[in-house]
């Protein structure tokens, strides 16, 4: 993985801790061929649910 990609993943992970659903969705797409995919999709849905309330 190139430095820019690694840096982007670091910032996306930080954003997920702040409950930004867009960051979780971006990580789900990044890991679409990995077991982590569904966990990021579920977190995206969870974060969107909290935004609506």
Protein backbone atom coordinates (compact mmCIF):
# COMPACT_ATOMS: atom_id res chain seq x y z
CA UNK A 1 0.00 0.00 0.00
CA UNK A 2 1.31 3.42 -0.92
CA UNK A 3 1.85 6.12 1.67
CA UNK A 4 -1.12 8.19 0.48
CA UNK A 5 -3.45 5.21 0.69
CA UNK A 6 -2.21 4.30 4.15
CA UNK A 7 -2.64 7.88 5.31
CA UNK A 8 -6.17 7.97 3.89
CA UNK A 9 -7.07 4.79 5.78
CA UNK A 10 -5.73 6.29 9.01
CA UNK A 11 -7.91 9.38 8.60
CA UNK A 12 -10.95 7.32 7.62
CA UNK A 13 -10.57 5.17 10.74
CA UNK A 14 -10.31 8.31 12.88
CA UNK A 15 -13.47 9.63 11.24
CA UNK A 16 -15.34 6.42 12.02
CA UNK A 17 -14.64 6.97 15.72
CA UNK A 18 -16.39 10.34 15.36
CA UNK A 19 -19.37 8.45 13.88
CA UNK A 20 -19.19 9.85 10.36
CA UNK A 21 -21.23 7.39 8.29
CA UNK A 22 -19.49 8.46 5.11
CA UNK A 23 -16.17 7.30 6.57
CA UNK A 24 -17.62 3.90 7.48
CA UNK A 25 -19.05 3.56 3.99
CA UNK A 26 -15.70 4.48 2.43
CA UNK A 27 -13.97 1.83 4.56
CA UNK A 28 -16.61 -0.73 3.59
CA UNK A 29 -15.85 -0.02 -0.05
CA UNK A 30 -12.10 -0.17 0.60
CA UNK A 31 -12.48 -3.56 2.29
CA UNK A 32 -15.17 -4.95 -0.01
CA UNK A 33 -13.18 -8.14 -0.58
CA UNK A 34 -12.40 -8.65 3.11
CA UNK A 35 -14.28 -9.99 6.12
CA UNK A 36 -14.37 -6.46 7.58
CA UNK A 37 -16.78 -5.30 4.85
CA UNK A 38 -20.02 -6.14 6.67
CA UNK A 39 -18.88 -4.68 9.96
CA UNK A 40 -18.29 -1.33 8.26
CA UNK A 41 -21.64 -1.55 6.46
CA UNK A 42 -23.40 -2.20 9.78
CA UNK A 43 -21.60 0.72 11.41
CA UNK A 44 -22.62 2.96 8.51
CA UNK A 45 -26.26 2.08 9.05
CA UNK A 46 -25.88 2.60 12.79
CA UNK A 47 -24.32 6.06 12.30
CA UNK A 48 -27.03 7.13 9.86
CA UNK A 49 -29.68 6.00 12.32
CA UNK A 50 -28.19 8.26 15.00
CA UNK A 51 -28.11 11.21 12.61
CA UNK A 52 -31.83 10.89 11.89
CA UNK A 53 -32.87 10.88 15.54
